[in-house]
N, C-alpha and C. Protein backbone atom coordinates (compact mmCIF):
# COMPACT_ATOMS: atom_id res chain seq x y z
N MET A 1 0.75 -1.14 -0.01
CA MET A 1 0.06 0.11 0.01
C MET A 1 0.89 1.18 -0.10
N SER A 2 0.47 2.30 -0.81
CA SER A 2 1.30 3.42 -0.97
C SER A 2 1.15 4.26 0.30
N SER A 3 2.17 5.11 0.59
CA SER A 3 2.08 5.94 1.71
C SER A 3 0.83 7.08 1.84
N ALA A 4 0.52 7.48 0.45
CA ALA A 4 -0.70 8.35 0.35
C ALA A 4 -1.79 7.43 0.56
N ARG A 5 -2.07 6.17 0.19
CA ARG A 5 -3.37 5.58 0.63
C ARG A 5 -3.26 5.26 1.93
N ALA A 6 -2.08 4.79 2.64
CA ALA A 6 -2.18 4.60 3.95
C ALA A 6 -2.60 5.65 4.86
N LEU A 7 -2.25 7.02 4.40
CA LEU A 7 -2.48 8.17 5.30
C LEU A 7 -3.88 8.44 4.96
N HIS A 8 -4.56 8.36 3.89
CA HIS A 8 -5.92 8.42 3.66
C HIS A 8 -6.76 7.42 4.47
N PHE A 9 -6.10 6.07 4.82
CA PHE A 9 -7.07 5.21 5.40
C PHE A 9 -6.90 5.64 6.94
N VAL A 10 -5.80 5.93 7.45
CA VAL A 10 -5.60 6.78 8.74
C VAL A 10 -6.56 7.81 9.10
N THR A 11 -6.59 8.74 8.13
CA THR A 11 -7.61 9.86 8.29
C THR A 11 -8.87 9.42 8.21
N LEU A 12 -9.32 8.76 7.49
CA LEU A 12 -10.71 8.11 7.53
C LEU A 12 -11.09 7.33 8.79
N ASN A 13 -10.06 6.71 9.40
CA ASN A 13 -10.40 5.99 10.51
C ASN A 13 -10.53 6.92 11.78
N ARG A 14 -9.76 7.99 11.60
CA ARG A 14 -9.75 8.90 12.70
C ARG A 14 -10.91 9.76 12.55
N TYR A 15 -11.47 10.01 11.36
CA TYR A 15 -12.84 10.57 11.10
C TYR A 15 -13.84 9.63 11.71
N ALA A 16 -13.98 8.55 11.31
CA ALA A 16 -14.93 7.63 11.96
C ALA A 16 -14.74 7.48 13.43
N LEU A 17 -13.76 7.38 14.19
CA LEU A 17 -13.70 7.36 15.40
C LEU A 17 -14.29 8.65 16.04
N GLY A 18 -13.84 9.67 15.45
CA GLY A 18 -14.44 11.03 16.14
C GLY A 18 -15.90 11.17 15.94
N LEU A 19 -16.45 10.67 14.70
CA LEU A 19 -17.92 10.75 14.54
C LEU A 19 -18.60 9.92 15.43
N THR A 20 -18.04 8.76 15.82
CA THR A 20 -18.76 7.65 16.71
C THR A 20 -18.63 8.26 18.20
N VAL A 21 -17.66 9.05 18.65
CA VAL A 21 -17.61 9.48 19.88
C VAL A 21 -18.74 10.52 19.91
N LEU A 22 -18.74 11.39 18.91
CA LEU A 22 -19.51 12.55 18.83
C LEU A 22 -21.06 12.08 18.80
N GLY A 23 -21.42 11.00 18.16
CA GLY A 23 -22.64 10.20 18.19
C GLY A 23 -23.05 9.72 19.47
N LEU A 24 -22.00 9.15 20.06
CA LEU A 24 -22.32 8.72 21.45
C LEU A 24 -22.64 9.59 22.51
N ILE A 25 -21.86 10.86 22.42
CA ILE A 25 -22.02 12.09 23.22
C ILE A 25 -23.60 12.47 23.09
N PHE A 26 -23.92 12.59 21.78
CA PHE A 26 -25.24 13.09 21.13
C PHE A 26 -26.44 12.39 21.85
N VAL A 27 -26.32 11.20 21.61
CA VAL A 27 -27.29 10.23 22.04
C VAL A 27 -27.39 10.04 23.38
N GLY A 28 -26.30 9.77 24.13
CA GLY A 28 -26.35 9.60 25.54
C GLY A 28 -26.74 10.93 26.35
N GLY A 29 -26.23 12.03 25.85
CA GLY A 29 -26.42 13.39 26.58
C GLY A 29 -27.91 13.84 26.27
N LEU A 30 -28.35 13.58 25.05
CA LEU A 30 -29.71 13.96 24.96
C LEU A 30 -30.70 12.92 25.69
N TYR A 31 -30.40 11.67 25.71
CA TYR A 31 -31.06 10.94 26.46
C TYR A 31 -31.33 11.33 28.02
N TYR A 32 -29.94 11.57 28.52
CA TYR A 32 -29.88 12.06 29.99
C TYR A 32 -30.55 13.14 30.13
N VAL A 33 -30.32 14.31 29.34
CA VAL A 33 -30.73 15.81 29.49
C VAL A 33 -32.18 15.94 29.14
N LYS A 34 -32.55 15.36 28.03
CA LYS A 34 -33.98 15.87 27.36
C LYS A 34 -34.78 14.73 27.31
N TRP A 35 -34.44 13.56 26.69
CA TRP A 35 -35.31 12.57 26.30
C TRP A 35 -35.95 11.92 27.56
N SER A 36 -35.06 11.28 28.42
CA SER A 36 -35.55 10.63 29.54
C SER A 36 -36.49 11.42 30.62
N PRO A 37 -36.09 12.56 30.94
CA PRO A 37 -36.89 13.41 31.67
C PRO A 37 -38.39 13.79 31.02
N TYR A 38 -38.30 14.06 29.85
CA TYR A 38 -39.63 14.44 29.10
C TYR A 38 -40.49 13.07 29.10
N TYR A 39 -39.87 12.20 28.83
CA TYR A 39 -40.65 10.66 28.73
C TYR A 39 -41.33 10.44 30.12
N HIS A 40 -40.50 10.43 31.21
CA HIS A 40 -40.92 10.27 32.34
C HIS A 40 -42.15 11.33 32.93
N GLY A 41 -41.74 12.61 32.46
CA GLY A 41 -42.69 13.80 32.81
C GLY A 41 -44.04 13.58 32.26
N THR A 42 -44.28 12.64 31.06
CA THR A 42 -45.42 12.52 30.48
C THR A 42 -46.39 11.69 31.29
N PHE A 43 -45.72 10.80 32.16
CA PHE A 43 -46.61 9.85 32.98
C PHE A 43 -47.07 10.88 34.20
N VAL A 44 -46.28 11.65 34.74
CA VAL A 44 -46.45 12.34 35.76
C VAL A 44 -47.70 13.41 35.34
N ALA A 45 -47.88 14.04 34.17
CA ALA A 45 -48.66 14.90 33.77
C ALA A 45 -50.03 14.16 33.40
N ALA A 46 -49.81 12.89 32.90
CA ALA A 46 -51.00 12.01 32.73
C ALA A 46 -51.68 11.77 34.08
N THR A 47 -50.96 11.30 34.93
CA THR A 47 -51.59 11.01 36.22
C THR A 47 -52.04 12.26 37.11
N GLN A 48 -51.35 13.16 37.23
CA GLN A 48 -51.45 14.38 38.00
C GLN A 48 -52.30 15.41 37.30
N HIS A 49 -52.34 15.42 36.04
CA HIS A 49 -52.97 16.59 35.09
C HIS A 49 -52.40 17.71 35.42
N SER A 50 -50.93 17.91 35.66
CA SER A 50 -50.19 19.00 35.99
C SER A 50 -48.80 18.78 35.57
N ILE A 51 -47.90 19.66 35.12
CA ILE A 51 -46.75 19.55 34.77
C ILE A 51 -45.74 19.90 35.73
N GLY A 52 -46.36 20.19 37.07
CA GLY A 52 -45.67 20.88 38.20
C GLY A 52 -45.71 22.23 38.30
N ALA A 53 -44.93 22.86 39.36
CA ALA A 53 -45.17 24.35 39.57
C ALA A 53 -44.32 25.13 38.37
N SER A 54 -44.77 26.24 38.33
CA SER A 54 -44.32 27.39 37.46
C SER A 54 -43.02 27.79 37.91
N ILE A 55 -41.96 27.98 36.96
CA ILE A 55 -40.72 28.56 37.49
C ILE A 55 -40.95 30.15 37.69
N VAL A 56 -42.17 30.65 37.14
CA VAL A 56 -42.30 32.15 37.56
C VAL A 56 -43.06 32.36 38.72
N SER A 57 -44.07 31.63 39.14
CA SER A 57 -44.74 31.86 40.33
C SER A 57 -44.55 30.80 41.56
N GLY A 58 -44.08 29.73 41.15
CA GLY A 58 -43.79 28.73 41.98
C GLY A 58 -45.29 28.20 42.61
N SER A 59 -45.50 28.01 43.60
CA SER A 59 -46.78 27.57 44.17
C SER A 59 -47.80 28.54 44.35
N GLU A 60 -47.51 29.81 44.27
CA GLU A 60 -48.49 30.93 44.31
C GLU A 60 -49.28 30.73 42.97
N ALA A 61 -50.51 31.44 43.17
CA ALA A 61 -51.59 31.54 42.24
C ALA A 61 -51.46 32.60 41.29
N ALA A 62 -50.61 33.70 41.54
CA ALA A 62 -50.18 34.53 40.47
C ALA A 62 -48.96 34.95 40.59
N PRO A 63 -48.21 35.33 39.37
CA PRO A 63 -46.76 35.69 39.33
C PRO A 63 -46.36 36.84 40.24
N PRO A 64 -45.15 37.15 40.72
CA PRO A 64 -44.85 38.17 41.63
C PRO A 64 -44.90 39.39 40.57
N SER A 65 -45.10 40.53 41.52
CA SER A 65 -45.02 41.80 40.60
C SER A 65 -43.71 42.09 40.21
N PRO A 66 -43.55 42.77 38.78
CA PRO A 66 -42.22 43.07 38.42
C PRO A 66 -41.32 43.71 39.28
N SER A 67 -40.12 43.13 39.56
CA SER A 67 -39.23 43.83 40.40
C SER A 67 -37.71 43.11 39.91
N LEU A 68 -36.81 43.68 40.36
CA LEU A 68 -35.31 43.21 40.23
C LEU A 68 -35.34 41.90 41.09
N GLU A 69 -36.11 41.73 42.16
CA GLU A 69 -35.78 40.35 42.99
C GLU A 69 -36.59 39.24 42.20
N ALA A 70 -37.84 39.77 41.63
CA ALA A 70 -38.46 38.83 40.70
C ALA A 70 -37.77 38.35 39.53
N ALA A 71 -37.08 39.14 38.81
CA ALA A 71 -36.12 39.07 37.69
C ALA A 71 -35.11 38.08 37.96
N LEU A 72 -34.47 38.48 39.05
CA LEU A 72 -33.27 37.63 39.48
C LEU A 72 -33.65 36.20 39.85
N GLY A 73 -34.63 36.20 40.75
CA GLY A 73 -35.36 34.84 41.09
C GLY A 73 -35.65 33.98 39.80
N TYR A 74 -36.27 34.45 38.71
CA TYR A 74 -36.60 33.75 37.49
C TYR A 74 -35.49 33.38 36.73
N ALA A 75 -34.50 34.37 36.72
CA ALA A 75 -33.15 33.91 36.11
C ALA A 75 -32.49 32.81 36.91
N TRP A 76 -32.29 32.79 38.25
CA TRP A 76 -31.92 31.78 39.04
C TRP A 76 -32.60 30.36 38.68
N ALA A 77 -33.88 30.56 38.75
CA ALA A 77 -34.43 29.32 38.65
C ALA A 77 -34.58 28.56 37.18
N TYR A 78 -34.72 29.50 36.22
CA TYR A 78 -34.55 29.09 34.92
C TYR A 78 -32.87 28.31 34.71
N GLY A 79 -32.01 29.02 35.16
CA GLY A 79 -30.60 28.42 35.13
C GLY A 79 -30.53 27.16 35.69
N LYS A 80 -31.14 27.03 36.82
CA LYS A 80 -31.10 25.70 37.44
C LYS A 80 -31.87 24.63 36.66
N SER A 81 -32.77 25.01 35.92
CA SER A 81 -33.48 24.15 35.22
C SER A 81 -32.94 23.60 33.84
N ILE A 82 -31.95 24.62 33.40
CA ILE A 82 -31.46 24.27 31.96
C ILE A 82 -30.19 24.16 31.95
N TRP A 83 -29.45 24.11 33.03
CA TRP A 83 -27.98 24.11 33.05
C TRP A 83 -27.02 22.96 32.48
N GLN A 84 -27.92 21.70 32.62
CA GLN A 84 -27.35 20.52 32.02
C GLN A 84 -27.40 20.55 30.47
N ALA A 85 -28.74 21.19 29.93
CA ALA A 85 -28.74 21.09 28.39
C ALA A 85 -27.83 22.27 27.70
N MET A 86 -27.50 23.34 28.69
CA MET A 86 -26.57 24.14 28.10
C MET A 86 -25.14 23.72 28.00
N VAL A 87 -24.72 23.04 29.05
CA VAL A 87 -23.50 22.26 28.93
C VAL A 87 -23.31 21.38 27.99
N LEU A 88 -24.42 20.49 27.69
CA LEU A 88 -24.46 19.42 26.60
C LEU A 88 -24.29 20.15 25.37
N GLY A 89 -25.07 21.42 25.15
CA GLY A 89 -24.97 22.19 23.86
C GLY A 89 -23.54 22.60 23.60
N LEU A 90 -22.89 23.02 24.60
CA LEU A 90 -21.51 23.54 24.49
C LEU A 90 -20.55 22.33 24.26
N VAL A 91 -20.64 21.26 24.78
CA VAL A 91 -19.79 20.16 24.46
C VAL A 91 -20.01 19.46 23.20
N LEU A 92 -21.52 19.56 22.74
CA LEU A 92 -21.72 19.18 21.19
C LEU A 92 -21.03 19.99 20.20
N GLY A 93 -21.31 21.33 20.65
CA GLY A 93 -20.73 22.39 19.81
C GLY A 93 -19.35 22.38 19.49
N ALA A 94 -18.40 22.14 20.59
CA ALA A 94 -17.05 21.83 20.68
C ALA A 94 -16.74 20.68 19.99
N GLY A 95 -17.48 19.53 20.29
CA GLY A 95 -17.34 18.24 19.54
C GLY A 95 -17.40 18.42 18.12
N VAL A 96 -18.52 18.90 17.45
CA VAL A 96 -18.44 19.13 16.16
C VAL A 96 -17.59 20.07 15.45
N GLN A 97 -17.19 21.04 16.14
CA GLN A 97 -15.97 21.67 15.80
C GLN A 97 -14.80 21.13 15.68
N ALA A 98 -14.60 20.24 16.57
CA ALA A 98 -13.20 19.60 16.85
C ALA A 98 -13.19 18.17 16.00
N LEU A 99 -14.30 17.64 15.85
CA LEU A 99 -14.32 15.95 15.19
C LEU A 99 -14.92 15.89 13.96
N VAL A 100 -15.78 16.90 13.26
CA VAL A 100 -16.33 16.78 12.15
C VAL A 100 -15.43 17.66 11.09
N PRO A 101 -15.01 17.12 9.88
CA PRO A 101 -14.24 18.10 9.19
C PRO A 101 -15.10 19.18 8.59
N HIS A 102 -14.56 20.29 8.63
CA HIS A 102 -15.17 21.55 8.25
C HIS A 102 -15.84 21.49 6.76
N ASP A 103 -15.15 20.93 5.85
CA ASP A 103 -15.66 20.93 4.39
C ASP A 103 -16.96 19.98 4.44
N TRP A 104 -16.87 19.02 5.28
CA TRP A 104 -17.94 18.04 5.30
C TRP A 104 -19.41 18.98 5.82
N LEU A 105 -19.31 19.64 6.83
CA LEU A 105 -20.58 20.48 7.16
C LEU A 105 -20.77 21.64 6.03
N ALA A 106 -19.75 22.12 5.37
CA ALA A 106 -19.87 23.14 4.33
C ALA A 106 -20.86 22.60 3.29
N ARG A 107 -20.32 21.36 2.92
CA ARG A 107 -21.05 20.69 1.72
C ARG A 107 -22.60 20.25 2.12
N LEU A 108 -22.78 19.96 3.42
CA LEU A 108 -24.08 19.25 3.79
C LEU A 108 -25.11 20.41 4.09
N PHE A 109 -24.57 21.49 4.88
CA PHE A 109 -25.48 22.49 5.16
C PHE A 109 -25.16 23.71 4.81
N GLY A 110 -24.13 24.14 4.13
CA GLY A 110 -23.78 25.16 3.38
C GLY A 110 -24.67 25.69 2.51
N GLY A 111 -24.95 27.09 2.39
CA GLY A 111 -26.00 27.52 1.38
C GLY A 111 -27.25 27.68 1.83
N MET A 112 -28.24 28.29 0.93
CA MET A 112 -29.56 28.57 1.20
C MET A 112 -30.43 27.83 0.46
N ARG A 113 -29.93 26.84 -0.35
CA ARG A 113 -30.72 25.89 -0.96
C ARG A 113 -31.87 25.01 -0.10
N PHE A 114 -32.83 24.60 -0.73
CA PHE A 114 -34.03 23.84 0.06
C PHE A 114 -33.29 22.67 0.63
N LYS A 115 -32.46 22.05 0.05
CA LYS A 115 -31.84 20.69 0.58
C LYS A 115 -31.18 21.03 1.91
N ALA A 116 -30.12 22.09 1.74
CA ALA A 116 -29.40 22.41 3.00
C ALA A 116 -30.38 22.84 4.18
N VAL A 117 -31.21 23.54 3.86
CA VAL A 117 -32.17 24.23 4.88
C VAL A 117 -32.99 22.94 5.50
N ALA A 118 -33.44 22.20 4.88
CA ALA A 118 -34.18 21.09 5.01
C ALA A 118 -33.31 20.12 5.89
N LEU A 119 -32.37 19.90 5.55
CA LEU A 119 -31.34 18.90 6.34
C LEU A 119 -31.19 19.50 7.83
N ALA A 120 -30.76 20.86 7.61
CA ALA A 120 -30.56 21.45 8.98
C ALA A 120 -31.74 21.49 9.76
N GLY A 121 -32.90 21.68 9.32
CA GLY A 121 -34.27 21.40 10.16
C GLY A 121 -34.37 20.01 10.64
N LEU A 122 -34.18 19.21 9.90
CA LEU A 122 -34.22 17.93 10.36
C LEU A 122 -33.37 17.37 11.47
N ALA A 123 -32.00 17.98 11.29
CA ALA A 123 -30.98 17.88 12.17
C ALA A 123 -31.40 18.28 13.62
N SER A 124 -32.09 19.25 13.67
CA SER A 124 -32.52 19.78 14.96
C SER A 124 -33.65 19.03 15.72
N ILE A 125 -34.38 18.16 15.17
CA ILE A 125 -35.54 17.57 15.67
C ILE A 125 -35.26 16.82 16.78
N PRO A 126 -34.10 15.75 16.66
CA PRO A 126 -33.62 14.89 17.79
C PRO A 126 -33.75 15.65 19.19
N SER A 127 -32.96 16.86 18.85
CA SER A 127 -32.58 17.68 20.21
C SER A 127 -33.76 18.60 20.73
N MET A 128 -34.79 18.58 20.02
CA MET A 128 -35.94 19.31 20.23
C MET A 128 -35.58 20.85 20.62
N MET A 129 -34.89 21.29 19.79
CA MET A 129 -34.45 22.70 19.72
C MET A 129 -35.14 23.59 18.71
């Protein structure tokens, strides 16, 4: 085997390994952060006819009046509820940048043709974003 073919083979193996690792992080992370909690939440909603307390008003019947304290309280509650998804998004974004060749992404999603836009939309469905 020539050295150029050997280098090409090694490069393809490295890309395959990187894409496999990224796929495992994607599926495992989304299962842990999104899919499993929402799946189990459907049973709670079906039995209790509620999806839980509001992060705006908590157990109160009405939301608090507008104030800096209410805004900071909401920001803190929202941050606590989404921090895992935010970390997963950062890890996946870094993984795509590090493990997927840039020219592959440009060929697949580049441009405003219908095919590229439709593929980008379909790619967002599993993450529910």
